[in-house]
Amino acid sequence: MAKKGGLFAMLLGAAAGAAAVFFSKQENRDKAKEVVDKAKVQAKKAEKEVRKVVSDVKKATKESAKK
C-alpha cells in the first residue's frame, strides 16, 4: 500500500519541474517579473485603502464610545 505523501510528492515534483522548465527561458522570467511587480503595486494600494478604512472605523468607534 502506498503512502499518502507519495502522490503529493509526485505532484509537487511535477510542479517544480514545470516551473523549472518555464523559468529556464529569460523571456519567461521577465514576464513573471512584470506580473510580480504589478501585483506588488496593487498590494500596496490595497494596503493603503485597508489602513484608511481601519482608521475610519477606529475613529467612528471612539466617537460613538464617547456618546
N, C-alpha and C. Protein backbone atom coordinates (compact mmCIF):
# COMPACT_ATOMS: atom_id res chain seq x y z
N MET A 1 0.84 -1.18 0.00
CA MET A 1 0.00 0.00 0.00
C MET A 1 0.89 1.24 0.00
N ALA A 2 0.60 2.18 -0.87
CA ALA A 2 1.42 3.38 -0.99
C ALA A 2 1.11 4.36 0.12
N LYS A 3 2.11 5.14 0.45
CA LYS A 3 1.92 6.17 1.45
C LYS A 3 1.08 7.30 0.87
N LYS A 4 0.38 8.02 1.72
CA LYS A 4 -0.43 9.14 1.27
C LYS A 4 0.44 10.25 0.71
N GLY A 5 1.61 10.45 1.27
CA GLY A 5 2.51 11.50 0.84
C GLY A 5 3.14 11.22 -0.51
N GLY A 6 3.07 9.99 -1.00
CA GLY A 6 3.71 9.64 -2.26
C GLY A 6 3.10 10.38 -3.43
N LEU A 7 1.79 10.46 -3.48
CA LEU A 7 1.11 11.17 -4.55
C LEU A 7 1.40 12.66 -4.47
N PHE A 8 1.37 13.19 -3.26
CA PHE A 8 1.65 14.61 -3.08
C PHE A 8 3.08 14.92 -3.51
N ALA A 9 4.01 14.08 -3.13
CA ALA A 9 5.41 14.30 -3.50
C ALA A 9 5.58 14.24 -5.02
N MET A 10 4.89 13.33 -5.66
CA MET A 10 4.98 13.22 -7.11
C MET A 10 4.41 14.48 -7.78
N LEU A 11 3.26 14.96 -7.31
CA LEU A 11 2.66 16.17 -7.86
C LEU A 11 3.54 17.39 -7.60
N LEU A 12 4.11 17.45 -6.42
CA LEU A 12 5.00 18.56 -6.09
C LEU A 12 6.24 18.54 -6.99
N GLY A 13 6.77 17.36 -7.24
CA GLY A 13 7.92 17.23 -8.13
C GLY A 13 7.58 17.64 -9.55
N ALA A 14 6.40 17.24 -10.01
CA ALA A 14 5.97 17.61 -11.36
C ALA A 14 5.80 19.12 -11.48
N ALA A 15 5.23 19.74 -10.45
CA ALA A 15 5.04 21.20 -10.46
C ALA A 15 6.39 21.91 -10.44
N ALA A 16 7.31 21.41 -9.64
CA ALA A 16 8.64 22.02 -9.58
C ALA A 16 9.37 21.88 -10.91
N GLY A 17 9.22 20.73 -11.54
CA GLY A 17 9.83 20.52 -12.85
C GLY A 17 9.24 21.45 -13.91
N ALA A 18 7.94 21.61 -13.88
CA ALA A 18 7.29 22.51 -14.84
C ALA A 18 7.74 23.95 -14.62
N ALA A 19 7.86 24.34 -13.37
CA ALA A 19 8.33 25.69 -13.06
C ALA A 19 9.77 25.88 -13.53
N ALA A 20 10.60 24.87 -13.35
CA ALA A 20 11.99 24.96 -13.79
C ALA A 20 12.07 25.12 -15.30
N VAL A 21 11.26 24.38 -16.01
CA VAL A 21 11.25 24.50 -17.47
C VAL A 21 10.75 25.88 -17.88
N PHE A 22 9.70 26.36 -17.24
CA PHE A 22 9.14 27.67 -17.57
C PHE A 22 10.15 28.78 -17.32
N PHE A 23 10.81 28.75 -16.16
CA PHE A 23 11.73 29.81 -15.80
C PHE A 23 13.12 29.66 -16.42
N SER A 24 13.32 28.62 -17.20
CA SER A 24 14.63 28.44 -17.84
C SER A 24 14.84 29.44 -18.97
N LYS A 25 13.78 29.99 -19.51
CA LYS A 25 13.89 30.99 -20.57
C LYS A 25 13.88 32.39 -19.94
N GLN A 26 14.79 33.24 -20.41
CA GLN A 26 14.88 34.61 -19.91
C GLN A 26 13.58 35.37 -20.16
N GLU A 27 12.97 35.13 -21.31
CA GLU A 27 11.72 35.81 -21.67
C GLU A 27 10.63 35.52 -20.63
N ASN A 28 10.53 34.28 -20.19
CA ASN A 28 9.51 33.91 -19.21
C ASN A 28 9.82 34.52 -17.85
N ARG A 29 11.11 34.60 -17.49
CA ARG A 29 11.47 35.23 -16.22
C ARG A 29 11.11 36.71 -16.24
N ASP A 30 11.33 37.36 -17.38
CA ASP A 30 10.99 38.78 -17.50
C ASP A 30 9.48 38.99 -17.38
N LYS A 31 8.70 38.12 -18.03
CA LYS A 31 7.24 38.23 -17.95
C LYS A 31 6.76 38.02 -16.52
N ALA A 32 7.34 37.04 -15.84
CA ALA A 32 6.94 36.76 -14.46
C ALA A 32 7.29 37.94 -13.57
N LYS A 33 8.44 38.56 -13.80
CA LYS A 33 8.84 39.72 -13.00
C LYS A 33 7.86 40.87 -13.19
N GLU A 34 7.41 41.09 -14.42
CA GLU A 34 6.43 42.15 -14.69
C GLU A 34 5.15 41.91 -13.90
N VAL A 35 4.68 40.67 -13.91
CA VAL A 35 3.45 40.33 -13.20
C VAL A 35 3.62 40.53 -11.70
N VAL A 36 4.75 40.10 -11.17
CA VAL A 36 5.01 40.26 -9.74
C VAL A 36 5.10 41.73 -9.37
N ASP A 37 5.75 42.53 -10.21
CA ASP A 37 5.85 43.96 -9.93
C ASP A 37 4.47 44.63 -9.93
N LYS A 38 3.62 44.27 -10.88
CA LYS A 38 2.26 44.82 -10.91
C LYS A 38 1.48 44.40 -9.67
N ALA A 39 1.66 43.16 -9.25
CA ALA A 39 0.96 42.67 -8.06
C ALA A 39 1.42 43.42 -6.82
N LYS A 40 2.71 43.74 -6.75
CA LYS A 40 3.22 44.49 -5.59
C LYS A 40 2.59 45.87 -5.53
N VAL A 41 2.48 46.53 -6.68
CA VAL A 41 1.87 47.87 -6.72
C VAL A 41 0.42 47.79 -6.28
N GLN A 42 -0.31 46.81 -6.77
CA GLN A 42 -1.72 46.66 -6.40
C GLN A 42 -1.85 46.34 -4.91
N ALA A 43 -0.93 45.54 -4.39
CA ALA A 43 -0.98 45.18 -2.97
C ALA A 43 -0.74 46.41 -2.10
N LYS A 44 0.18 47.27 -2.52
CA LYS A 44 0.43 48.49 -1.75
C LYS A 44 -0.78 49.41 -1.77
N LYS A 45 -1.45 49.52 -2.92
CA LYS A 45 -2.66 50.34 -3.00
C LYS A 45 -3.74 49.78 -2.09
N ALA A 46 -3.90 48.47 -2.12
CA ALA A 46 -4.92 47.83 -1.28
C ALA A 46 -4.59 48.02 0.19
N GLU A 47 -3.31 47.95 0.53
CA GLU A 47 -2.91 48.15 1.92
C GLU A 47 -3.28 49.55 2.40
N LYS A 48 -3.04 50.55 1.55
CA LYS A 48 -3.39 51.93 1.92
C LYS A 48 -4.89 52.07 2.14
N GLU A 49 -5.68 51.46 1.26
CA GLU A 49 -7.13 51.54 1.39
C GLU A 49 -7.61 50.86 2.68
N VAL A 50 -7.03 49.71 2.97
CA VAL A 50 -7.43 48.97 4.18
C VAL A 50 -7.05 49.77 5.42
N ARG A 51 -5.85 50.34 5.42
CA ARG A 51 -5.44 51.14 6.57
C ARG A 51 -6.38 52.34 6.78
N LYS A 52 -6.82 52.95 5.69
CA LYS A 52 -7.74 54.09 5.78
C LYS A 52 -9.08 53.65 6.37
N VAL A 53 -9.58 52.52 5.91
CA VAL A 53 -10.86 52.02 6.43
C VAL A 53 -10.72 51.69 7.91
N VAL A 54 -9.63 51.05 8.29
CA VAL A 54 -9.43 50.70 9.70
C VAL A 54 -9.35 51.97 10.54
N SER A 55 -8.65 52.97 10.03
CA SER A 55 -8.55 54.24 10.74
C SER A 55 -9.92 54.88 10.90
N ASP A 56 -10.71 54.87 9.84
CA ASP A 56 -12.06 55.45 9.91
C ASP A 56 -12.94 54.70 10.91
N VAL A 57 -12.83 53.39 10.94
CA VAL A 57 -13.63 52.60 11.88
C VAL A 57 -13.19 52.88 13.31
N LYS A 58 -11.89 52.99 13.55
CA LYS A 58 -11.41 53.30 14.90
C LYS A 58 -11.94 54.66 15.35
N LYS A 59 -11.88 55.62 14.43
CA LYS A 59 -12.34 56.97 14.75
C LYS A 59 -13.84 56.98 15.07
N ALA A 60 -14.62 56.26 14.25
CA ALA A 60 -16.06 56.19 14.49
C ALA A 60 -16.37 55.48 15.80
N THR A 61 -15.60 54.46 16.10
CA THR A 61 -15.81 53.71 17.35
C THR A 61 -15.53 54.61 18.55
N LYS A 62 -14.44 55.35 18.48
CA LYS A 62 -14.12 56.24 19.59
C LYS A 62 -15.18 57.32 19.78
N GLU A 63 -15.69 57.86 18.67
CA GLU A 63 -16.73 58.88 18.76
C GLU A 63 -18.02 58.32 19.35
N SER A 64 -18.38 57.11 18.94
CA SER A 64 -19.61 56.53 19.49
C SER A 64 -19.43 56.10 20.93
N ALA A 65 -18.22 55.77 21.32
CA ALA A 65 -17.96 55.38 22.71
C ALA A 65 -18.06 56.60 23.64
N LYS A 66 -17.74 57.77 23.12
CA LYS A 66 -17.82 59.00 23.93
C LYS A 66 -19.26 59.38 24.21
N LYS A 67 -20.17 59.00 23.32
CA LYS A 67 -21.58 59.37 23.46
C LYS A 67 -22.26 58.59 24.51
